[in-house]
Amino acid sequence: MLSALASEARLDIFRFLVHIGPDGAPAGEIAKACAITPSTLSHHLNQMRQSGLVDRRREARSLIYSVNFTEMNGLIGFLSDDCCQGQPKLCLKGNET
């Protein structure tokens, strides 16, 4: 999953889809919002789908892409499970305002 997000373009797409939420967006809207050509977008979306981070469904003639939030949350959990030697409150100290 991390390698799927290692590309700046894929990270932009992913962040756009996270912002959109579970309803997702059609490929054309994603391409326009992220300033990516359709053929390049297709390549990136396929990589993200193969990693499990993005789902695709058909609605009439459109393909709708959305974040797989279960997988995303699993990745975030994996990355933060052992944060600050098992003391997650320590992680918050650097973020206090």
Protein backbone atom coordinates (compact mmCIF):
# COMPACT_ATOMS: atom_id res chain seq x y z
CA MET A 1 0.00 0.00 0.00
CA LEU A 2 2.82 2.37 0.79
CA SER A 3 4.40 1.79 -2.61
CA ALA A 4 1.03 2.61 -4.22
CA LEU A 5 1.16 5.99 -2.48
CA ALA A 6 4.83 6.61 -3.27
CA SER A 7 3.95 8.47 -6.47
CA GLU A 8 3.08 12.15 -6.08
CA ALA A 9 0.23 11.74 -8.58
CA ARG A 10 -1.23 8.74 -6.73
CA LEU A 11 -0.95 10.55 -3.41
CA ASP A 12 -2.84 13.52 -4.93
CA ILE A 13 -5.54 11.18 -6.23
CA PHE A 14 -5.80 9.43 -2.88
CA ARG A 15 -6.05 12.69 -0.95
CA PHE A 16 -8.74 13.92 -3.36
CA LEU A 17 -10.75 10.72 -2.89
CA VAL A 18 -10.36 10.88 0.90
CA HIS A 19 -11.71 14.43 0.77
CA ILE A 20 -14.66 13.35 -1.41
CA GLY A 21 -15.58 10.61 1.06
CA PRO A 22 -17.22 7.21 0.67
CA ASP A 23 -19.43 8.20 -2.28
CA GLY A 24 -16.34 8.50 -4.45
CA ALA A 25 -16.04 10.24 -7.80
CA PRO A 26 -16.08 9.32 -11.48
CA ALA A 27 -12.76 9.03 -13.25
CA GLY A 28 -13.35 12.20 -15.28
CA GLU A 29 -13.86 14.27 -12.15
CA ILE A 30 -10.71 12.83 -10.58
CA ALA A 31 -8.70 13.56 -13.74
CA LYS A 32 -9.91 17.14 -13.83
CA ALA A 33 -9.37 17.78 -10.11
CA CYS A 34 -5.87 16.29 -10.15
CA ALA A 35 -4.88 17.62 -13.61
CA ILE A 36 -4.01 14.15 -14.90
CA THR A 37 -4.69 12.81 -18.39
CA PRO A 38 -7.25 9.98 -18.52
CA SER A 39 -4.76 7.35 -19.68
CA THR A 40 -2.29 8.24 -16.93
CA LEU A 41 -5.10 8.35 -14.38
CA SER A 42 -6.22 4.87 -15.40
CA HIS A 43 -2.72 3.53 -14.74
CA HIS A 44 -2.57 5.16 -11.30
CA LEU A 45 -6.07 4.04 -10.30
CA ASN A 46 -5.28 0.46 -11.32
CA GLN A 47 -2.17 0.47 -9.14
CA MET A 48 -4.17 1.81 -6.22
CA ARG A 49 -6.91 -0.77 -6.76
CA GLN A 50 -4.36 -3.59 -6.83
CA SER A 51 -3.00 -2.40 -3.48
CA GLY A 52 -6.49 -2.45 -1.97
CA LEU A 53 -6.62 1.27 -1.18
CA VAL A 54 -9.20 2.17 -3.83
CA ASP A 55 -12.43 0.47 -4.85
CA ARG A 56 -14.30 0.81 -8.15
CA ARG A 57 -17.97 0.38 -8.93
CA ARG A 58 -20.09 0.93 -12.00
CA GLU A 59 -23.01 3.37 -11.94
CA ALA A 60 -24.78 3.37 -15.29
CA ARG A 61 -21.99 4.20 -17.76
CA SER A 62 -19.58 5.68 -15.21
CA LEU A 63 -16.86 4.05 -13.16
CA ILE A 64 -16.84 5.48 -9.66
CA TYR A 65 -13.67 5.28 -7.57
CA SER A 66 -13.61 5.57 -3.81
CA VAL A 67 -11.18 5.01 -0.97
CA ASN A 68 -11.36 1.67 0.80
CA PHE A 69 -11.51 3.25 4.26
CA THR A 70 -11.18 -0.10 6.02
CA GLU A 71 -7.83 -0.70 4.32
CA MET A 72 -6.75 2.91 4.83
CA ASN A 73 -7.50 2.72 8.55
CA GLY A 74 -5.68 -0.61 8.76
CA LEU A 75 -2.61 1.00 7.20
CA ILE A 76 -2.77 3.95 9.57
CA GLY A 77 -3.15 1.55 12.50
CA PHE A 78 -0.20 -0.51 11.33
CA LEU A 79 1.96 2.60 11.07
CA SER A 80 0.96 3.94 14.47
CA ASP A 81 0.45 0.79 16.60
CA ASP A 82 3.84 1.01 18.23
CA CYS A 83 4.04 4.78 18.23
CA CYS A 84 6.19 6.31 20.96
CA GLN A 85 7.15 2.93 22.41
CA GLY A 86 3.52 1.97 23.00
CA GLN A 87 2.60 5.28 24.65
CA PRO A 88 0.44 7.10 22.07
CA LYS A 89 -0.18 10.06 24.42
CA LEU A 90 3.48 10.99 23.91
CA CYS A 91 2.79 11.44 20.19
CA LEU A 92 0.21 14.10 20.97
CA LYS A 93 2.68 16.25 22.93
CA GLY A 94 4.34 17.45 19.74
CA ASN A 95 0.94 18.45 18.31
CA GLU A 96 -0.38 20.51 21.22
CA THR A 97 -1.27 24.09 20.49
